Amino acid sequence: MSGGPELSLARHALLVLGSATAVLLLTTVLLGVLQPGPTGALLVVGSGVVGCIAAMAVAARWSTRVLRRSEPGPAPD
């Protein structure tokens, strides 16, 4: 290893699923606080699902960068 940060598969999974859980928790809190009607609730839940997918993508991209940095590069000639 090149001394960069290490990230195991378990940490990767926890990071990605944790970020999605945080967004869904925020969506649930918003539904409880706002108490919108049926159309408003559908919009809040829909944006929560889209936010969840976006959070997972951002977390996965970040952890993939960390993994690539920790891999040794090609040997110099």
C-alpha atoms as a PDB file:
ATOM      1  CA  MET A   1       0.000   0.000   0.000  1.00  0.00           C
ATOM      2  CA  SER A   2       1.122   3.546  -0.656  1.00  0.00           C
ATOM      3  CA  GLY A   3       0.233   4.794   2.811  1.00  0.00           C
ATOM      4  CA  GLY A   4      -3.068   6.285   1.638  1.00  0.00           C
ATOM      5  CA  PRO A   5      -6.313   5.805   3.484  1.00  0.00           C
ATOM      6  CA  GLU A   6      -7.635   2.267   3.511  1.00  0.00           C
ATOM      7  CA  LEU A   7     -11.284   1.449   3.048  1.00  0.00           C
ATOM      8  CA  SER A   8     -12.658  -2.050   3.437  1.00  0.00           C
ATOM      9  CA  LEU A   9     -15.733  -3.387   1.690  1.00  0.00           C
ATOM     10  CA  ALA A  10     -17.643  -3.283   4.983  1.00  0.00           C
ATOM     11  CA  ARG A  11     -16.795   0.399   5.481  1.00  0.00           C
ATOM     12  CA  HIS A  12     -17.812   1.099   1.901  1.00  0.00           C
ATOM     13  CA  ALA A  13     -21.185  -0.584   2.446  1.00  0.00           C
ATOM     14  CA  LEU A  14     -21.756   1.219   5.752  1.00  0.00           C
ATOM     15  CA  LEU A  15     -20.882   4.562   4.214  1.00  0.00           C
ATOM     16  CA  VAL A  16     -23.202   4.119   1.244  1.00  0.00           C
ATOM     17  CA  LEU A  17     -26.118   2.674   3.205  1.00  0.00           C
ATOM     18  CA  GLY A  18     -25.590   5.134   6.050  1.00  0.00           C
ATOM     19  CA  SER A  19     -25.866   8.095   3.726  1.00  0.00           C
ATOM     20  CA  ALA A  20     -29.067   6.688   2.233  1.00  0.00           C
ATOM     21  CA  THR A  21     -30.474   6.077   5.711  1.00  0.00           C
ATOM     22  CA  ALA A  22     -29.683   9.645   6.753  1.00  0.00           C
ATOM     23  CA  VAL A  23     -31.577  11.050   3.764  1.00  0.00           C
ATOM     24  CA  LEU A  24     -34.565   8.784   4.416  1.00  0.00           C
ATOM     25  CA  LEU A  25     -34.545   9.814   8.082  1.00  0.00           C
ATOM     26  CA  LEU A  26     -34.540  13.466   7.043  1.00  0.00           C
ATOM     27  CA  THR A  27     -37.467  12.763   4.706  1.00  0.00           C
ATOM     28  CA  THR A  28     -39.391  11.103   7.531  1.00  0.00           C
ATOM     29  CA  VAL A  29     -38.762  14.077   9.829  1.00  0.00           C
ATOM     30  CA  LEU A  30     -39.927  16.461   7.117  1.00  0.00           C
ATOM     31  CA  LEU A  31     -43.138  14.472   6.681  1.00  0.00           C
ATOM     32  CA  GLY A  32     -43.759  14.579  10.419  1.00  0.00           C
ATOM     33  CA  VAL A  33     -43.061  18.302  10.756  1.00  0.00           C
ATOM     34  CA  LEU A  34     -44.772  19.555   7.620  1.00  0.00           C
ATOM     35  CA  GLN A  35     -47.709  17.111   7.633  1.00  0.00           C
ATOM     36  CA  PRO A  36     -48.542  17.840   3.986  1.00  0.00           C
ATOM     37  CA  GLY A  37     -51.600  16.644   2.126  1.00  0.00           C
ATOM     38  CA  PRO A  38     -51.488  13.650  -0.196  1.00  0.00           C
ATOM     39  CA  THR A  39     -49.933  15.514  -3.127  1.00  0.00           C
ATOM     40  CA  GLY A  40     -47.374  17.277  -0.955  1.00  0.00           C
ATOM     41  CA  ALA A  41     -46.482  14.017   0.779  1.00  0.00           C
ATOM     42  CA  LEU A  42     -45.944  12.371  -2.590  1.00  0.00           C
ATOM     43  CA  LEU A  43     -43.599  15.180  -3.604  1.00  0.00           C
ATOM     44  CA  VAL A  44     -41.656  15.000  -0.329  1.00  0.00           C
ATOM     45  CA  VAL A  45     -41.314  11.224  -0.525  1.00  0.00           C
ATOM     46  CA  GLY A  46     -40.363  11.341  -4.210  1.00  0.00           C
ATOM     47  CA  SER A  47     -37.677  13.931  -3.568  1.00  0.00           C
ATOM     48  CA  GLY A  48     -36.509  11.839  -0.598  1.00  0.00           C
ATOM     49  CA  VAL A  49     -36.072   8.778  -2.794  1.00  0.00           C
ATOM     50  CA  VAL A  50     -34.192  10.804  -5.420  1.00  0.00           C
ATOM     51  CA  GLY A  51     -32.049  12.330  -2.654  1.00  0.00           C
ATOM     52  CA  CYS A  52     -31.369   8.862  -1.272  1.00  0.00           C
ATOM     53  CA  ILE A  53     -30.138   7.623  -4.633  1.00  0.00           C
ATOM     54  CA  ALA A  54     -28.012  10.744  -5.096  1.00  0.00           C
ATOM     55  CA  ALA A  55     -26.480  10.370  -1.618  1.00  0.00           C
ATOM     56  CA  MET A  56     -25.584   6.748  -2.326  1.00  0.00           C
ATOM     57  CA  ALA A  57     -23.977   7.728  -5.631  1.00  0.00           C
ATOM     58  CA  VAL A  58     -21.908  10.489  -4.027  1.00  0.00           C
ATOM     59  CA  ALA A  59     -20.795   8.229  -1.162  1.00  0.00           C
ATOM     60  CA  ALA A  60     -19.911   5.407  -3.561  1.00  0.00           C
ATOM     61  CA  ARG A  61     -17.933   7.737  -5.800  1.00  0.00           C
ATOM     62  CA  TRP A  62     -16.000   9.139  -2.826  1.00  0.00           C
ATOM     63  CA  SER A  63     -15.175   5.711  -1.389  1.00  0.00           C
ATOM     64  CA  THR A  64     -14.116   4.463  -4.823  1.00  0.00           C
ATOM     65  CA  ARG A  65     -11.659   7.353  -5.055  1.00  0.00           C
ATOM     66  CA  VAL A  66     -10.266   6.443  -1.642  1.00  0.00           C
ATOM     67  CA  LEU A  67      -9.867   2.822  -2.721  1.00  0.00           C
ATOM     68  CA  ARG A  68      -8.101   3.799  -5.946  1.00  0.00           C
ATOM     69  CA  ARG A  69      -5.696   6.079  -4.090  1.00  0.00           C
ATOM     70  CA  SER A  70      -4.791   3.290  -1.684  1.00  0.00           C
ATOM     71  CA  GLU A  71      -3.882   0.833  -4.474  1.00  0.00           C
ATOM     72  CA  PRO A  72      -0.264   0.816  -5.526  1.00  0.00           C
ATOM     73  CA  GLY A  73       0.390   2.241  -8.952  1.00  0.00           C
ATOM     74  CA  PRO A  74       2.400   0.622 -11.748  1.00  0.00           C
ATOM     75  CA  ALA A  75       6.062   0.028 -10.984  1.00  0.00           C
ATOM     76  CA  PRO A  76       8.332   2.722 -12.477  1.00  0.00           C
ATOM     77  CA  ASP A  77      10.878   1.549 -15.064  1.00  0.00           C
END
